Amino acid sequence: MVVGPDGVARCWWAGSDPLYVRYHDEEWGRPCGDDVRLFEKLCLEGFQAGLSWLTILRKREHFRAAFAGFDIDAVAGFGDADVARLLGDTGIVRHRGKIAATVNNAGRCRALREEFGSLAAYVWEYEPATTDRARAMSGDLRTRGWSFVGPTTAYSFMQAMGLVNDHLDGCAAREQVERDRVGFPRPVRRSGLSAAP
């Protein structure tokens, strides 16, 4: 735990950077059922591989602009010219594999929406988020053709998007996040489809 200058106890990783503190207090662990936010987070978790989350967080607004607000259909339609544009964009992480994965994953996300009704319905079938569930989600996404979605990425995504409450005991946000989780209506798969593994 770390106690900030405002006297609030937070998870140690929130540190003192105001952007990171705001992310910890207002976003991390809050349950989410919005497909665009979920897709954005999965993509940004992939971009984070090998970097700190604060690096990605500082570039997030630029990522949003570069990737059409993470509109799934728009990103799925990106072509070679878009990839070249993104590789030249100094406001994002310019990694060809991660950029290609984001475009690929948008197309794969459209297929998931067709099958499950929404990305949210797919994701929330993996609650509660244990390490085993993160491995299962990661493996299933990879069999569906997704890239840069390993087990660590999947679990970080689950933590950030509220599938699990990993705020530390004593953290000021923990109880509110738990209340948010209790009151959150879980997205459900369209009827007649089998459950995720």
N, C-alpha and C. Protein backbone atom coordinates (compact mmCIF):
# COMPACT_ATOMS: atom_id res chain seq x y z
N MET A 1 0.84 -1.19 0.00
CA MET A 1 0.00 0.00 0.00
C MET A 1 0.87 1.24 0.00
N VAL A 2 0.34 2.30 -0.58
CA VAL A 2 1.01 3.59 -0.54
C VAL A 2 -0.05 4.64 -0.20
N VAL A 3 0.31 5.56 0.66
CA VAL A 3 -0.60 6.64 1.02
C VAL A 3 -0.13 7.89 0.29
N GLY A 4 -1.03 8.44 -0.53
CA GLY A 4 -0.68 9.61 -1.32
C GLY A 4 -0.69 10.89 -0.51
N PRO A 5 -0.24 11.99 -1.14
CA PRO A 5 -0.27 13.30 -0.47
C PRO A 5 -1.67 13.71 -0.04
N ASP A 6 -2.70 13.11 -0.70
CA ASP A 6 -4.09 13.40 -0.33
C ASP A 6 -4.57 12.57 0.86
N GLY A 7 -3.67 11.71 1.40
CA GLY A 7 -4.01 10.89 2.55
C GLY A 7 -4.77 9.62 2.22
N VAL A 8 -4.96 9.33 0.93
CA VAL A 8 -5.72 8.15 0.50
C VAL A 8 -4.77 6.97 0.31
N ALA A 9 -5.15 5.83 0.89
CA ALA A 9 -4.36 4.59 0.73
C ALA A 9 -4.74 3.95 -0.60
N ARG A 10 -3.71 3.57 -1.35
CA ARG A 10 -3.91 2.97 -2.67
C ARG A 10 -2.99 1.76 -2.84
N CYS A 11 -3.30 0.96 -3.84
CA CYS A 11 -2.40 -0.13 -4.23
C CYS A 11 -1.04 0.48 -4.54
N TRP A 12 0.02 -0.21 -4.16
CA TRP A 12 1.38 0.32 -4.29
C TRP A 12 1.71 0.77 -5.70
N TRP A 13 1.18 0.07 -6.71
CA TRP A 13 1.58 0.36 -8.08
C TRP A 13 1.04 1.69 -8.59
N ALA A 14 0.07 2.27 -7.90
CA ALA A 14 -0.49 3.55 -8.37
C ALA A 14 0.54 4.67 -8.30
N GLY A 15 1.54 4.52 -7.41
CA GLY A 15 2.61 5.51 -7.32
C GLY A 15 2.09 6.90 -7.04
N SER A 16 2.76 7.90 -7.66
CA SER A 16 2.39 9.29 -7.39
C SER A 16 2.07 10.08 -8.66
N ASP A 17 2.27 9.47 -9.83
CA ASP A 17 1.94 10.17 -11.08
C ASP A 17 0.43 10.41 -11.13
N PRO A 18 -0.01 11.68 -11.30
CA PRO A 18 -1.45 11.98 -11.26
C PRO A 18 -2.27 11.17 -12.27
N LEU A 19 -1.72 10.91 -13.44
CA LEU A 19 -2.43 10.13 -14.45
C LEU A 19 -2.65 8.70 -13.96
N TYR A 20 -1.62 8.13 -13.37
CA TYR A 20 -1.69 6.76 -12.86
C TYR A 20 -2.63 6.68 -11.66
N VAL A 21 -2.57 7.67 -10.79
CA VAL A 21 -3.45 7.70 -9.62
C VAL A 21 -4.91 7.77 -10.08
N ARG A 22 -5.19 8.64 -11.04
CA ARG A 22 -6.56 8.76 -11.56
C ARG A 22 -7.03 7.45 -12.20
N TYR A 23 -6.13 6.80 -12.96
CA TYR A 23 -6.45 5.51 -13.58
C TYR A 23 -6.79 4.48 -12.49
N HIS A 24 -5.96 4.43 -11.45
CA HIS A 24 -6.19 3.50 -10.34
C HIS A 24 -7.54 3.78 -9.67
N ASP A 25 -7.80 5.03 -9.37
CA ASP A 25 -8.99 5.40 -8.60
C ASP A 25 -10.28 5.30 -9.39
N GLU A 26 -10.24 5.61 -10.68
CA GLU A 26 -11.47 5.75 -11.45
C GLU A 26 -11.73 4.65 -12.47
N GLU A 27 -10.70 3.91 -12.87
CA GLU A 27 -10.88 2.93 -13.94
C GLU A 27 -10.54 1.50 -13.56
N TRP A 28 -9.35 1.31 -13.00
CA TRP A 28 -8.83 -0.04 -12.83
C TRP A 28 -9.72 -0.88 -11.93
N GLY A 29 -10.16 -2.00 -12.45
CA GLY A 29 -10.99 -2.92 -11.69
C GLY A 29 -12.48 -2.64 -11.78
N ARG A 30 -12.87 -1.55 -12.41
CA ARG A 30 -14.30 -1.24 -12.53
C ARG A 30 -14.89 -2.12 -13.63
N PRO A 31 -15.96 -2.84 -13.35
CA PRO A 31 -16.53 -3.73 -14.36
C PRO A 31 -17.00 -2.97 -15.59
N CYS A 32 -16.76 -3.56 -16.74
CA CYS A 32 -17.06 -2.90 -18.00
C CYS A 32 -17.78 -3.86 -18.95
N GLY A 33 -18.80 -3.38 -19.58
CA GLY A 33 -19.54 -4.18 -20.56
C GLY A 33 -19.57 -3.53 -21.93
N ASP A 34 -18.75 -2.50 -22.13
CA ASP A 34 -18.72 -1.76 -23.39
C ASP A 34 -17.70 -2.39 -24.34
N ASP A 35 -18.17 -2.86 -25.49
CA ASP A 35 -17.27 -3.56 -26.43
C ASP A 35 -16.08 -2.72 -26.87
N VAL A 36 -16.29 -1.44 -27.12
CA VAL A 36 -15.18 -0.59 -27.59
C VAL A 36 -14.12 -0.46 -26.50
N ARG A 37 -14.55 -0.21 -25.26
CA ARG A 37 -13.57 -0.12 -24.16
C ARG A 37 -12.86 -1.44 -23.92
N LEU A 38 -13.59 -2.53 -24.02
CA LEU A 38 -12.96 -3.84 -23.83
C LEU A 38 -11.95 -4.13 -24.94
N PHE A 39 -12.32 -3.83 -26.18
CA PHE A 39 -11.40 -4.04 -27.29
C PHE A 39 -10.17 -3.15 -27.15
N GLU A 40 -10.39 -1.89 -26.81
CA GLU A 40 -9.27 -0.97 -26.61
C GLU A 40 -8.30 -1.52 -25.56
N LYS A 41 -8.84 -1.99 -24.45
CA LYS A 41 -7.99 -2.47 -23.37
C LYS A 41 -7.21 -3.71 -23.78
N LEU A 42 -7.85 -4.63 -24.47
CA LEU A 42 -7.12 -5.81 -24.95
C LEU A 42 -5.99 -5.40 -25.88
N CYS A 43 -6.26 -4.45 -26.76
CA CYS A 43 -5.22 -3.98 -27.69
C CYS A 43 -4.08 -3.29 -26.94
N LEU A 44 -4.43 -2.40 -26.03
CA LEU A 44 -3.39 -1.67 -25.29
C LEU A 44 -2.59 -2.59 -24.38
N GLU A 45 -3.22 -3.61 -23.84
CA GLU A 45 -2.47 -4.60 -23.05
C GLU A 45 -1.43 -5.28 -23.94
N GLY A 46 -1.81 -5.56 -25.18
CA GLY A 46 -0.85 -6.14 -26.13
C GLY A 46 0.29 -5.19 -26.44
N PHE A 47 -0.03 -3.91 -26.62
CA PHE A 47 1.02 -2.91 -26.87
C PHE A 47 1.94 -2.76 -25.66
N GLN A 48 1.41 -3.02 -24.46
CA GLN A 48 2.21 -2.85 -23.25
C GLN A 48 3.31 -3.89 -23.13
N ALA A 49 3.15 -5.04 -23.75
CA ALA A 49 4.13 -6.13 -23.58
C ALA A 49 5.55 -5.58 -23.70
N GLY A 50 6.32 -5.77 -22.63
CA GLY A 50 7.70 -5.30 -22.59
C GLY A 50 7.85 -3.85 -22.15
N LEU A 51 6.75 -3.18 -21.87
CA LEU A 51 6.77 -1.77 -21.46
C LEU A 51 6.00 -1.62 -20.15
N SER A 52 6.02 -0.43 -19.58
CA SER A 52 5.21 -0.17 -18.39
C SER A 52 3.82 0.30 -18.82
N TRP A 53 2.82 0.03 -17.97
CA TRP A 53 1.48 0.49 -18.29
C TRP A 53 1.43 2.02 -18.31
N LEU A 54 2.23 2.68 -17.49
CA LEU A 54 2.23 4.14 -17.47
C LEU A 54 2.66 4.70 -18.83
N THR A 55 3.60 4.03 -19.49
CA THR A 55 4.01 4.45 -20.84
C THR A 55 2.81 4.43 -21.77
N ILE A 56 2.04 3.35 -21.73
CA ILE A 56 0.87 3.22 -22.59
C ILE A 56 -0.20 4.22 -22.19
N LEU A 57 -0.41 4.38 -20.90
CA LEU A 57 -1.43 5.30 -20.42
C LEU A 57 -1.15 6.73 -20.89
N ARG A 58 0.12 7.12 -20.88
CA ARG A 58 0.48 8.46 -21.35
C ARG A 58 0.22 8.63 -22.84
N LYS A 59 0.23 7.55 -23.58
CA LYS A 59 0.00 7.60 -25.03
C LYS A 59 -1.43 7.23 -25.42
N ARG A 60 -2.27 6.92 -24.44
CA ARG A 60 -3.59 6.37 -24.74
C ARG A 60 -4.44 7.26 -25.64
N GLU A 61 -4.48 8.55 -25.39
CA GLU A 61 -5.29 9.43 -26.22
C GLU A 61 -4.79 9.43 -27.67
N HIS A 62 -3.48 9.36 -27.83
CA HIS A 62 -2.94 9.31 -29.19
C HIS A 62 -3.27 7.96 -29.84
N PHE A 63 -3.20 6.88 -29.08
CA PHE A 63 -3.62 5.58 -29.60
C PHE A 63 -5.07 5.65 -30.07
N ARG A 64 -5.92 6.27 -29.27
CA ARG A 64 -7.34 6.36 -29.63
C ARG A 64 -7.51 7.10 -30.96
N ALA A 65 -6.77 8.19 -31.12
CA ALA A 65 -6.87 8.94 -32.38
C ALA A 65 -6.33 8.12 -33.55
N ALA A 66 -5.22 7.45 -33.34
CA ALA A 66 -4.57 6.69 -34.42
C ALA A 66 -5.39 5.47 -34.83
N PHE A 67 -6.12 4.88 -33.89
CA PHE A 67 -6.90 3.67 -34.17
C PHE A 67 -8.40 3.94 -34.19
N ALA A 68 -8.80 5.09 -34.70
CA ALA A 68 -10.22 5.42 -34.93
C ALA A 68 -11.08 5.18 -33.68
N GLY A 69 -10.54 5.59 -32.53
CA GLY A 69 -11.29 5.42 -31.29
C GLY A 69 -11.51 3.96 -30.91
N PHE A 70 -10.72 3.07 -31.50
CA PHE A 70 -10.84 1.61 -31.31
C PHE A 70 -12.21 1.11 -31.72
N ASP A 71 -12.80 1.81 -32.71
CA ASP A 71 -14.02 1.31 -33.33
C ASP A 71 -13.66 -0.01 -34.03
N ILE A 72 -14.27 -1.08 -33.60
CA ILE A 72 -13.89 -2.42 -34.05
C ILE A 72 -14.02 -2.56 -35.56
N ASP A 73 -15.13 -2.11 -36.13
CA ASP A 73 -15.33 -2.25 -37.58
C ASP A 73 -14.35 -1.38 -38.36
N ALA A 74 -14.09 -0.19 -37.86
CA ALA A 74 -13.13 0.69 -38.55
C ALA A 74 -11.74 0.09 -38.56
N VAL A 75 -11.28 -0.40 -37.41
CA VAL A 75 -9.93 -0.97 -37.32
C VAL A 75 -9.84 -2.24 -38.15
N ALA A 76 -10.90 -3.03 -38.18
CA ALA A 76 -10.89 -4.26 -39.00
C ALA A 76 -10.72 -3.93 -40.48
N GLY A 77 -11.12 -2.73 -40.87
CA GLY A 77 -10.98 -2.31 -42.26
C GLY A 77 -9.65 -1.67 -42.60
N PHE A 78 -8.74 -1.55 -41.63
CA PHE A 78 -7.43 -0.96 -41.90
C PHE A 78 -6.67 -1.82 -42.91
N GLY A 79 -5.97 -1.15 -43.81
CA GLY A 79 -5.16 -1.84 -44.81
C GLY A 79 -3.70 -1.47 -44.70
N ASP A 80 -2.95 -1.77 -45.74
CA ASP A 80 -1.51 -1.54 -45.74
C ASP A 80 -1.16 -0.06 -45.53
N ALA A 81 -1.95 0.83 -46.14
CA ALA A 81 -1.67 2.27 -45.99
C ALA A 81 -1.84 2.69 -44.52
N ASP A 82 -2.82 2.13 -43.85
CA ASP A 82 -3.03 2.45 -42.43
C ASP A 82 -1.87 1.93 -41.58
N VAL A 83 -1.42 0.71 -41.87
CA VAL A 83 -0.29 0.15 -41.13
C VAL A 83 0.94 1.03 -41.32
N ALA A 84 1.19 1.46 -42.56
CA ALA A 84 2.33 2.35 -42.84
C ALA A 84 2.19 3.66 -42.07
N ARG A 85 0.99 4.21 -42.05
CA ARG A 85 0.72 5.45 -41.30
C ARG A 85 1.03 5.24 -39.82
N LEU A 86 0.57 4.14 -39.27
CA LEU A 86 0.78 3.86 -37.85
C LEU A 86 2.25 3.63 -37.53
N LEU A 87 2.97 2.99 -38.41
CA LEU A 87 4.40 2.77 -38.19
C LEU A 87 5.18 4.08 -38.17
N GLY A 88 4.63 5.11 -38.79
CA GLY A 88 5.28 6.42 -38.78
C GLY A 88 4.78 7.35 -37.70
N ASP A 89 3.86 6.89 -36.88
CA ASP A 89 3.22 7.73 -35.87
C ASP A 89 4.01 7.66 -34.56
N THR A 90 4.71 8.73 -34.24
CA THR A 90 5.56 8.76 -33.04
C THR A 90 4.75 8.84 -31.74
N GLY A 91 3.46 9.07 -31.83
CA GLY A 91 2.63 9.17 -30.63
C GLY A 91 2.19 7.83 -30.06
N ILE A 92 2.45 6.75 -30.81
CA ILE A 92 2.09 5.41 -30.33
C ILE A 92 3.35 4.54 -30.28
N VAL A 93 3.18 3.31 -29.83
CA VAL A 93 4.28 2.34 -29.87
C VAL A 93 4.31 1.79 -31.29
N ARG A 94 5.41 2.05 -31.98
CA ARG A 94 5.51 1.67 -33.40
C ARG A 94 6.16 0.29 -33.53
N HIS A 95 5.36 -0.71 -33.34
CA HIS A 95 5.79 -2.10 -33.41
C HIS A 95 4.92 -2.79 -34.45
N ARG A 96 5.52 -3.19 -35.55
CA ARG A 96 4.74 -3.76 -36.67
C ARG A 96 3.87 -4.94 -36.20
N GLY A 97 4.42 -5.84 -35.41
CA GLY A 97 3.67 -7.00 -34.96
C GLY A 97 2.46 -6.62 -34.12
N LYS A 98 2.62 -5.64 -33.25
CA LYS A 98 1.53 -5.22 -32.38
C LYS A 98 0.46 -4.46 -33.18
N ILE A 99 0.89 -3.68 -34.14
CA ILE A 99 -0.06 -2.97 -35.00
C ILE A 99 -0.84 -3.98 -35.83
N ALA A 100 -0.14 -4.93 -36.45
CA ALA A 100 -0.80 -5.96 -37.26
C ALA A 100 -1.75 -6.78 -36.39
N ALA A 101 -1.35 -7.07 -35.16
CA ALA A 101 -2.21 -7.84 -34.25
C ALA A 101 -3.49 -7.08 -33.95
N THR A 102 -3.40 -5.78 -33.76
CA THR A 102 -4.59 -4.98 -33.46
C THR A 102 -5.58 -5.01 -34.63
N VAL A 103 -5.07 -4.88 -35.86
CA VAL A 103 -5.93 -4.94 -37.04
C VAL A 103 -6.54 -6.34 -37.16
N ASN A 104 -5.70 -7.36 -37.03
CA ASN A 104 -6.19 -8.74 -37.09
C ASN A 104 -7.23 -8.99 -36.01
N ASN A 105 -6.95 -8.56 -34.80
CA ASN A 105 -7.85 -8.83 -33.69
C ASN A 105 -9.19 -8.14 -33.84
N ALA A 106 -9.20 -7.00 -34.53
CA ALA A 106 -10.48 -6.32 -34.79
C ALA A 106 -11.37 -7.20 -35.67
N GLY A 107 -10.76 -7.81 -36.69
CA GLY A 107 -11.53 -8.73 -37.54
C GLY A 107 -12.01 -9.94 -36.75
N ARG A 108 -11.15 -10.46 -35.90
CA ARG A 108 -11.53 -11.60 -35.06
C ARG A 108 -12.61 -11.20 -34.06
N CYS A 109 -12.57 -9.96 -33.61
CA CYS A 109 -13.58 -9.47 -32.66
C CYS A 109 -14.95 -9.42 -33.33
N ARG A 110 -14.97 -9.05 -34.59
CA ARG A 110 -16.26 -9.04 -35.30
C ARG A 110 -16.86 -10.45 -35.33
N ALA A 111 -16.00 -11.45 -35.54
CA ALA A 111 -16.49 -12.84 -35.54
C ALA A 111 -17.02 -13.23 -34.16
N LEU A 112 -16.33 -12.79 -33.10
CA LEU A 112 -16.80 -13.07 -31.74
C LEU A 112 -18.16 -12.43 -31.49
N ARG A 113 -18.33 -11.20 -31.97
CA ARG A 113 -19.62 -10.53 -31.78
C ARG A 113 -20.73 -11.28 -32.50
N GLU A 114 -20.42 -11.81 -33.67
CA GLU A 114 -21.42 -12.59 -34.40
C GLU A 114 -21.82 -13.84 -33.61
N GLU A 115 -20.82 -14.48 -33.02
CA GLU A 115 -21.06 -15.73 -32.30
C GLU A 115 -21.71 -15.50 -30.94
N PHE A 116 -21.25 -14.50 -30.20
CA PHE A 116 -21.68 -14.30 -28.82
C PHE A 116 -22.67 -13.16 -28.65
N GLY A 117 -22.83 -12.33 -29.65
CA GLY A 117 -23.69 -11.16 -29.53
C GLY A 117 -22.92 -9.91 -29.16
N SER A 118 -21.82 -10.08 -28.43
CA SER A 118 -20.96 -8.95 -28.06
C SER A 118 -19.63 -9.49 -27.56
N LEU A 119 -18.61 -8.66 -27.63
CA LEU A 119 -17.33 -9.01 -27.02
C LEU A 119 -17.50 -9.13 -25.51
N ALA A 120 -18.34 -8.27 -24.94
CA ALA A 120 -18.58 -8.31 -23.50
C ALA A 120 -19.15 -9.65 -23.06
N ALA A 121 -20.10 -10.19 -23.81
CA ALA A 121 -20.69 -11.48 -23.44
C ALA A 121 -19.62 -12.57 -23.46
N TYR A 122 -18.73 -12.52 -24.42
CA TYR A 122 -17.62 -13.49 -24.48
C TYR A 122 -16.71 -13.34 -23.26
N VAL A 123 -16.25 -12.12 -23.02
CA VAL A 123 -15.28 -11.87 -21.96
C VAL A 123 -15.82 -12.27 -20.60
N TRP A 124 -17.05 -11.91 -20.30
CA TRP A 124 -17.59 -12.14 -18.96
C TRP A 124 -17.89 -13.60 -18.69
N GLU A 125 -17.86 -14.45 -19.71
CA GLU A 125 -17.98 -15.89 -19.46
C GLU A 125 -16.74 -16.42 -18.74
N TYR A 126 -15.67 -15.64 -18.73
CA TYR A 126 -14.43 -16.06 -18.08
C TYR A 126 -14.31 -15.58 -16.64
N GLU A 127 -15.34 -14.96 -16.10
CA GLU A 127 -15.35 -14.59 -14.70
C GLU A 127 -15.70 -15.83 -13.88
N PRO A 128 -15.20 -16.13 -12.73
CA PRO A 128 -14.18 -15.35 -12.05
C PRO A 128 -12.82 -15.52 -12.68
N ALA A 129 -12.03 -14.47 -12.62
CA ALA A 129 -10.74 -14.45 -13.30
C ALA A 129 -9.65 -15.03 -12.41
N THR A 130 -9.37 -16.28 -12.61
CA THR A 130 -8.24 -16.91 -11.95
C THR A 130 -7.14 -17.05 -12.98
N THR A 131 -5.97 -17.42 -12.55
CA THR A 131 -4.88 -17.62 -13.50
C THR A 131 -5.29 -18.68 -14.52
N ASP A 132 -5.98 -19.74 -14.06
CA ASP A 132 -6.42 -20.78 -14.99
C ASP A 132 -7.42 -20.22 -16.00
N ARG A 133 -8.32 -19.35 -15.56
CA ARG A 133 -9.31 -18.76 -16.48
C ARG A 133 -8.62 -17.82 -17.47
N ALA A 134 -7.59 -17.12 -17.02
CA ALA A 134 -6.84 -16.26 -17.93
C ALA A 134 -6.13 -17.10 -18.99
N ARG A 135 -5.55 -18.22 -18.58
CA ARG A 135 -4.92 -19.12 -19.55
C ARG A 135 -5.95 -19.66 -20.53
N ALA A 136 -7.12 -20.01 -20.01
CA ALA A 136 -8.19 -20.54 -20.87
C ALA A 136 -8.64 -19.48 -21.88
N MET A 137 -8.84 -18.25 -21.40
CA MET A 137 -9.26 -17.18 -22.30
C MET A 137 -8.19 -16.91 -23.34
N SER A 138 -6.95 -16.83 -22.91
CA SER A 138 -5.84 -16.59 -23.82
C SER A 138 -5.78 -17.69 -24.88
N GLY A 139 -5.85 -18.93 -24.44
CA GLY A 139 -5.80 -20.05 -25.38
C GLY A 139 -6.94 -20.04 -26.36
N ASP A 140 -8.15 -19.73 -25.87
CA ASP A 140 -9.31 -19.69 -26.76
C ASP A 140 -9.19 -18.56 -27.77
N LEU A 141 -8.76 -17.39 -27.32
CA LEU A 141 -8.58 -16.28 -28.26
C LEU A 141 -7.55 -16.64 -29.32
N ARG A 142 -6.47 -17.28 -28.92
CA ARG A 142 -5.43 -17.64 -29.90
C ARG A 142 -5.94 -18.69 -30.88
N THR A 143 -6.77 -19.64 -30.43
CA THR A 143 -7.33 -20.61 -31.39
C THR A 143 -8.29 -19.92 -32.35
N ARG A 144 -8.81 -18.77 -31.95
CA ARG A 144 -9.69 -17.99 -32.81
C ARG A 144 -8.91 -17.01 -33.70
N GLY A 145 -7.57 -17.07 -33.62
CA GLY A 145 -6.74 -16.26 -34.50
C GLY A 145 -6.27 -14.95 -33.94
N TRP A 146 -6.53 -14.67 -32.66
CA TRP A 146 -6.07 -13.42 -32.04
C TRP A 146 -4.57 -13.50 -31.80
N SER A 147 -3.92 -12.33 -31.73
CA SER A 147 -2.48 -12.24 -31.47
C SER A 147 -2.22 -11.31 -30.29
N PHE A 148 -1.05 -11.48 -29.66
CA PHE A 148 -0.64 -10.66 -28.52
C PHE A 148 -1.68 -10.70 -27.40
N VAL A 149 -2.16 -11.91 -27.11
CA VAL A 149 -3.15 -12.09 -26.04
C VAL A 149 -2.74 -13.29 -25.17
N GLY A 150 -1.49 -13.28 -24.72
CA GLY A 150 -1.01 -14.35 -23.85
C GLY A 150 -1.68 -14.32 -22.49
N PRO A 151 -1.41 -15.32 -21.64
CA PRO A 151 -2.06 -15.40 -20.33
C PRO A 151 -1.82 -14.18 -19.44
N THR A 152 -0.62 -13.61 -19.47
CA THR A 152 -0.35 -12.43 -18.65
C THR A 152 -1.18 -11.25 -19.13
N THR A 153 -1.25 -11.07 -20.45
CA THR A 153 -2.07 -10.02 -21.03
C THR A 153 -3.54 -10.24 -20.67
N ALA A 154 -4.00 -11.48 -20.79
CA ALA A 154 -5.40 -11.78 -20.48
C ALA A 154 -5.71 -11.48 -19.02
N TYR A 155 -4.82 -11.86 -18.10
CA TYR A 155 -5.10 -11.61 -16.69
C TYR A 155 -5.05 -10.12 -16.36
N SER A 156 -4.09 -9.40 -16.94
CA SER A 156 -4.04 -7.94 -16.73
C SER A 156 -5.31 -7.29 -17.23
N PHE A 157 -5.81 -7.75 -18.37
CA PHE A 157 -7.08 -7.26 -18.92
C PHE A 157 -8.22 -7.54 -17.94
N MET A 158 -8.27 -8.77 -17.42
CA MET A 158 -9.33 -9.14 -16.49
C MET A 158 -9.30 -8.28 -15.23
N GLN A 159 -8.10 -8.00 -14.72
CA GLN A 159 -7.97 -7.13 -13.55
C GLN A 159 -8.49 -5.73 -13.86
N ALA A 160 -8.06 -5.19 -14.98
CA ALA A 160 -8.38 -3.80 -15.32
C ALA A 160 -9.85 -3.61 -15.64
N MET A 161 -10.49 -4.63 -16.21
CA MET A 161 -11.87 -4.47 -16.66
C MET A 161 -12.89 -5.05 -15.67
N GLY A 162 -12.45 -5.34 -14.45
CA GLY A 162 -13.36 -5.67 -13.38
C GLY A 162 -13.83 -7.11 -13.30
N LEU A 163 -13.24 -8.02 -14.06
CA LEU A 163 -13.63 -9.41 -13.94
C LEU A 163 -13.16 -10.00 -12.62
N VAL A 164 -12.21 -9.32 -12.00
CA VAL A 164 -11.71 -9.68 -10.68
C VAL A 164 -11.38 -8.38 -9.96
N ASN A 165 -11.50 -8.38 -8.65
CA ASN A 165 -11.14 -7.20 -7.87
C ASN A 165 -9.80 -7.48 -7.20
N ASP A 166 -8.74 -7.01 -7.79
CA ASP A 166 -7.41 -7.21 -7.23
C ASP A 166 -6.86 -5.96 -6.54
N HIS A 167 -7.73 -5.00 -6.22
CA HIS A 167 -7.28 -3.91 -5.35
C HIS A 167 -6.91 -4.54 -4.02
N LEU A 168 -5.82 -4.10 -3.44
CA LEU A 168 -5.32 -4.69 -2.20
C LEU A 168 -6.23 -4.36 -1.01
N ASP A 169 -6.24 -5.25 -0.02
CA ASP A 169 -6.94 -4.95 1.22
C ASP A 169 -6.37 -3.66 1.79
N GLY A 170 -7.24 -2.76 2.18
CA GLY A 170 -6.81 -1.47 2.70
C GLY A 170 -6.79 -0.38 1.66
N CYS A 171 -6.89 -0.75 0.37
CA CYS A 171 -6.94 0.25 -0.70
C CYS A 171 -8.31 0.93 -0.66
N ALA A 172 -8.32 2.24 -0.78
CA ALA A 172 -9.57 3.01 -0.71
C ALA A 172 -10.55 2.62 -1.80
N ALA A 173 -10.06 2.14 -2.94
CA ALA A 173 -10.94 1.81 -4.07
C ALA A 173 -11.56 0.41 -3.95
N ARG A 174 -11.00 -0.46 -3.12
CA ARG A 174 -11.41 -1.87 -3.11
C ARG A 174 -12.91 -2.06 -2.84
N GLU A 175 -13.43 -1.43 -1.80
CA GLU A 175 -14.84 -1.63 -1.45
C GLU A 175 -15.78 -1.10 -2.53
N GLN A 176 -15.45 0.07 -3.10
CA GLN A 176 -16.31 0.62 -4.15
C GLN A 176 -16.28 -0.27 -5.38
N VAL A 177 -15.11 -0.77 -5.74
CA VAL A 177 -15.01 -1.67 -6.89
C VAL A 177 -15.84 -2.92 -6.63
N GLU A 178 -15.79 -3.44 -5.43
CA GLU A 178 -16.60 -4.63 -5.11
C GLU A 178 -18.08 -4.33 -5.21
N ARG A 179 -18.50 -3.16 -4.74
CA ARG A 179 -19.91 -2.76 -4.89
C ARG A 179 -20.27 -2.63 -6.36
N ASP A 180 -19.36 -2.04 -7.15
CA ASP A 180 -19.61 -1.93 -8.60
C ASP A 180 -19.77 -3.31 -9.23
N ARG A 181 -18.93 -4.24 -8.81
CA ARG A 181 -18.99 -5.60 -9.37
C ARG A 181 -20.30 -6.29 -8.99
N VAL A 182 -20.74 -6.12 -7.74
CA VAL A 182 -21.98 -6.75 -7.30
C VAL A 182 -23.15 -6.21 -8.11
N GLY A 183 -23.17 -4.92 -8.38
CA GLY A 183 -24.28 -4.31 -9.10
C GLY A 183 -24.18 -4.36 -10.61
N PHE A 184 -23.09 -4.89 -11.12
CA PHE A 184 -22.87 -4.88 -12.57
C PHE A 184 -23.67 -6.00 -13.25
N PRO A 185 -24.54 -5.65 -14.21
CA PRO A 185 -25.28 -6.69 -14.94
C PRO A 185 -24.36 -7.39 -15.94
N ARG A 186 -24.08 -8.66 -15.70
CA ARG A 186 -23.17 -9.40 -16.58
C ARG A 186 -23.75 -9.53 -17.97
N PRO A 187 -22.97 -9.18 -19.00
CA PRO A 187 -23.43 -9.40 -20.37
C PRO A 187 -23.61 -10.89 -20.61
N VAL A 188 -24.61 -11.24 -21.38
CA VAL A 188 -24.87 -12.66 -21.65
C VAL A 188 -24.82 -12.94 -23.14
N ARG A 189 -24.45 -14.17 -23.43
CA ARG A 189 -24.38 -14.66 -24.80
C ARG A 189 -25.77 -14.74 -25.38
N ARG A 190 -25.84 -14.57 -26.67
CA ARG A 190 -27.13 -14.76 -27.33
C ARG A 190 -27.62 -16.17 -27.03
N SER A 191 -28.90 -16.36 -26.91
CA SER A 191 -29.45 -17.67 -26.55
C SER A 191 -29.15 -18.71 -27.62
N GLY A 192 -29.04 -19.95 -27.15
CA GLY A 192 -28.83 -21.07 -28.06
C GLY A 192 -27.38 -21.36 -28.39
N LEU A 193 -26.44 -20.60 -27.82
CA LEU A 193 -25.02 -20.82 -28.10
C LEU A 193 -24.38 -21.46 -26.88
N SER A 194 -23.38 -22.28 -27.10
CA SER A 194 -22.73 -22.98 -26.00
C SER A 194 -21.82 -22.04 -25.23
N ALA A 195 -21.53 -22.41 -23.99
CA ALA A 195 -20.67 -21.59 -23.14
C ALA A 195 -19.22 -21.72 -23.52
N ALA A 196 -18.44 -20.68 -23.18
CA ALA A 196 -16.99 -20.72 -23.42
C ALA A 196 -16.35 -21.77 -22.53
N PRO A 197 -15.20 -22.31 -22.95
CA PRO A 197 -14.53 -23.33 -22.15
C PRO A 197 -14.11 -22.80 -20.80
